[in-house]
Amino acid sequence: MLVLSRKKNEKIVIDENIVITIVEIRGDKVRLGIEAPREVPIHRSEVYDAIQNEQNSVPEEPKSVPDAKNDASELLQ
């Protein structure tokens, strides 16, 4: 893990297209501003974990559902 020290209004640039700015420092809290392309998802870790847990708990849809109308017509033949 890279650890950097920054002061208010200083920035960190990641891969030329993501900029993190130290917006405010108040006590033990730091407010960050993040500029990134829209296609780059940005989440707090607790939100990201909740999203991952929700996605992992959703059962998969059946890959194919038999067409009941076709099944019935086959039985009638």
C-alpha atoms as a PDB file:
ATOM      1  CA  MET A   1       0.000   0.000   0.000  1.00  0.00           C
ATOM      2  CA  LEU A   2       1.290   3.420  -0.937  1.00  0.00           C
ATOM      3  CA  VAL A   3       0.832   5.928   1.904  1.00  0.00           C
ATOM      4  CA  LEU A   4       0.949   9.643   1.066  1.00  0.00           C
ATOM      5  CA  SER A   5       0.732  12.772   3.198  1.00  0.00           C
ATOM      6  CA  ARG A   6      -1.345  15.629   1.802  1.00  0.00           C
ATOM      7  CA  LYS A   7      -2.584  18.973   3.081  1.00  0.00           C
ATOM      8  CA  LYS A   8      -5.896  20.687   2.387  1.00  0.00           C
ATOM      9  CA  ASN A   9      -6.359  21.482  -1.330  1.00  0.00           C
ATOM     10  CA  GLU A  10      -3.481  19.222  -2.376  1.00  0.00           C
ATOM     11  CA  LYS A  11      -4.147  16.527  -4.968  1.00  0.00           C
ATOM     12  CA  ILE A  12      -3.209  12.995  -5.919  1.00  0.00           C
ATOM     13  CA  VAL A  13      -3.344  11.941  -9.578  1.00  0.00           C
ATOM     14  CA  ILE A  14      -3.961   8.296 -10.518  1.00  0.00           C
ATOM     15  CA  ASP A  15      -3.386   7.057 -14.053  1.00  0.00           C
ATOM     16  CA  GLU A  16      -3.777  10.541 -15.606  1.00  0.00           C
ATOM     17  CA  ASN A  17      -7.591  10.461 -15.433  1.00  0.00           C
ATOM     18  CA  ILE A  18      -8.419  10.242 -11.720  1.00  0.00           C
ATOM     19  CA  VAL A  19      -7.728  13.181  -9.401  1.00  0.00           C
ATOM     20  CA  ILE A  20      -8.289  13.035  -5.645  1.00  0.00           C
ATOM     21  CA  THR A  21      -8.345  16.384  -3.834  1.00  0.00           C
ATOM     22  CA  ILE A  22      -8.179  16.885  -0.076  1.00  0.00           C
ATOM     23  CA  VAL A  23     -11.207  19.154   0.366  1.00  0.00           C
ATOM     24  CA  GLU A  24     -11.364  19.447   4.147  1.00  0.00           C
ATOM     25  CA  ILE A  25      -9.659  18.135   7.258  1.00  0.00           C
ATOM     26  CA  ARG A  26     -11.685  18.369  10.457  1.00  0.00           C
ATOM     27  CA  GLY A  27     -10.470  16.466  13.515  1.00  0.00           C
ATOM     28  CA  ASP A  28     -10.097  12.812  12.563  1.00  0.00           C
ATOM     29  CA  LYS A  29     -12.170  13.159   9.362  1.00  0.00           C
ATOM     30  CA  VAL A  30     -10.914  13.963   5.889  1.00  0.00           C
ATOM     31  CA  ARG A  31     -13.224  14.980   3.032  1.00  0.00           C
ATOM     32  CA  LEU A  32     -12.073  13.957  -0.412  1.00  0.00           C
ATOM     33  CA  GLY A  33     -13.136  15.195  -3.816  1.00  0.00           C
ATOM     34  CA  ILE A  34     -12.754  12.654  -6.607  1.00  0.00           C
ATOM     35  CA  GLU A  35     -12.706  13.487 -10.307  1.00  0.00           C
ATOM     36  CA  ALA A  36     -12.911  10.416 -12.528  1.00  0.00           C
ATOM     37  CA  PRO A  37     -14.539   9.309 -15.778  1.00  0.00           C
ATOM     38  CA  ARG A  38     -18.219   8.398 -15.375  1.00  0.00           C
ATOM     39  CA  GLU A  39     -17.521   4.773 -16.275  1.00  0.00           C
ATOM     40  CA  VAL A  40     -15.244   4.393 -13.238  1.00  0.00           C
ATOM     41  CA  PRO A  41     -17.364   3.251 -10.271  1.00  0.00           C
ATOM     42  CA  ILE A  42     -16.427   4.929  -6.981  1.00  0.00           C
ATOM     43  CA  HIS A  43     -17.864   3.680  -3.675  1.00  0.00           C
ATOM     44  CA  ARG A  44     -17.023   3.886   0.008  1.00  0.00           C
ATOM     45  CA  SER A  45     -15.792   0.457   1.105  1.00  0.00           C
ATOM     46  CA  GLU A  46     -18.899  -0.312   3.188  1.00  0.00           C
ATOM     47  CA  VAL A  47     -21.155   0.491   0.217  1.00  0.00           C
ATOM     48  CA  TYR A  48     -18.985  -1.603  -2.110  1.00  0.00           C
ATOM     49  CA  ASP A  49     -19.138  -4.544   0.332  1.00  0.00           C
ATOM     50  CA  ALA A  50     -22.941  -4.256   0.544  1.00  0.00           C
ATOM     51  CA  ILE A  51     -23.220  -4.244  -3.257  1.00  0.00           C
ATOM     52  CA  GLN A  52     -20.993  -7.314  -3.508  1.00  0.00           C
ATOM     53  CA  ASN A  53     -22.977  -9.157  -0.806  1.00  0.00           C
ATOM     54  CA  GLU A  54     -26.256  -8.337  -2.547  1.00  0.00           C
ATOM     55  CA  GLN A  55     -24.966  -9.497  -5.931  1.00  0.00           C
ATOM     56  CA  ASN A  56     -23.652 -12.739  -4.433  1.00  0.00           C
ATOM     57  CA  SER A  57     -26.936 -13.503  -2.651  1.00  0.00           C
ATOM     58  CA  VAL A  58     -29.232 -13.051  -5.677  1.00  0.00           C
ATOM     59  CA  PRO A  59     -30.024 -16.470  -7.188  1.00  0.00           C
ATOM     60  CA  GLU A  60     -29.239 -16.836 -10.862  1.00  0.00           C
ATOM     61  CA  GLU A  61     -32.105 -16.776 -13.323  1.00  0.00           C
ATOM     62  CA  PRO A  62     -32.781 -20.099 -15.045  1.00  0.00           C
ATOM     63  CA  LYS A  63     -30.839 -20.266 -18.296  1.00  0.00           C
ATOM     64  CA  SER A  64     -33.883 -21.455 -20.244  1.00  0.00           C
ATOM     65  CA  VAL A  65     -37.506 -21.687 -19.264  1.00  0.00           C
ATOM     66  CA  PRO A  66     -39.612 -24.229 -21.185  1.00  0.00           C
ATOM     67  CA  ASP A  67     -42.379 -22.651 -23.176  1.00  0.00           C
ATOM     68  CA  ALA A  68     -45.577 -24.011 -21.599  1.00  0.00           C
ATOM     69  CA  LYS A  69     -47.597 -23.380 -24.764  1.00  0.00           C
ATOM     70  CA  ASN A  70     -45.201 -25.471 -26.866  1.00  0.00           C
ATOM     71  CA  ASP A  71     -45.186 -28.241 -24.247  1.00  0.00           C
ATOM     72  CA  ALA A  72     -48.990 -28.353 -24.237  1.00  0.00           C
ATOM     73  CA  SER A  73     -49.210 -28.480 -28.034  1.00  0.00           C
ATOM     74  CA  GLU A  74     -46.728 -31.371 -28.123  1.00  0.00           C
ATOM     75  CA  LEU A  75     -48.899 -33.309 -25.671  1.00  0.00           C
ATOM     76  CA  LEU A  76     -51.999 -32.770 -27.802  1.00  0.00           C
ATOM     77  CA  GLN A  77     -50.387 -34.215 -30.946  1.00  0.00           C
END
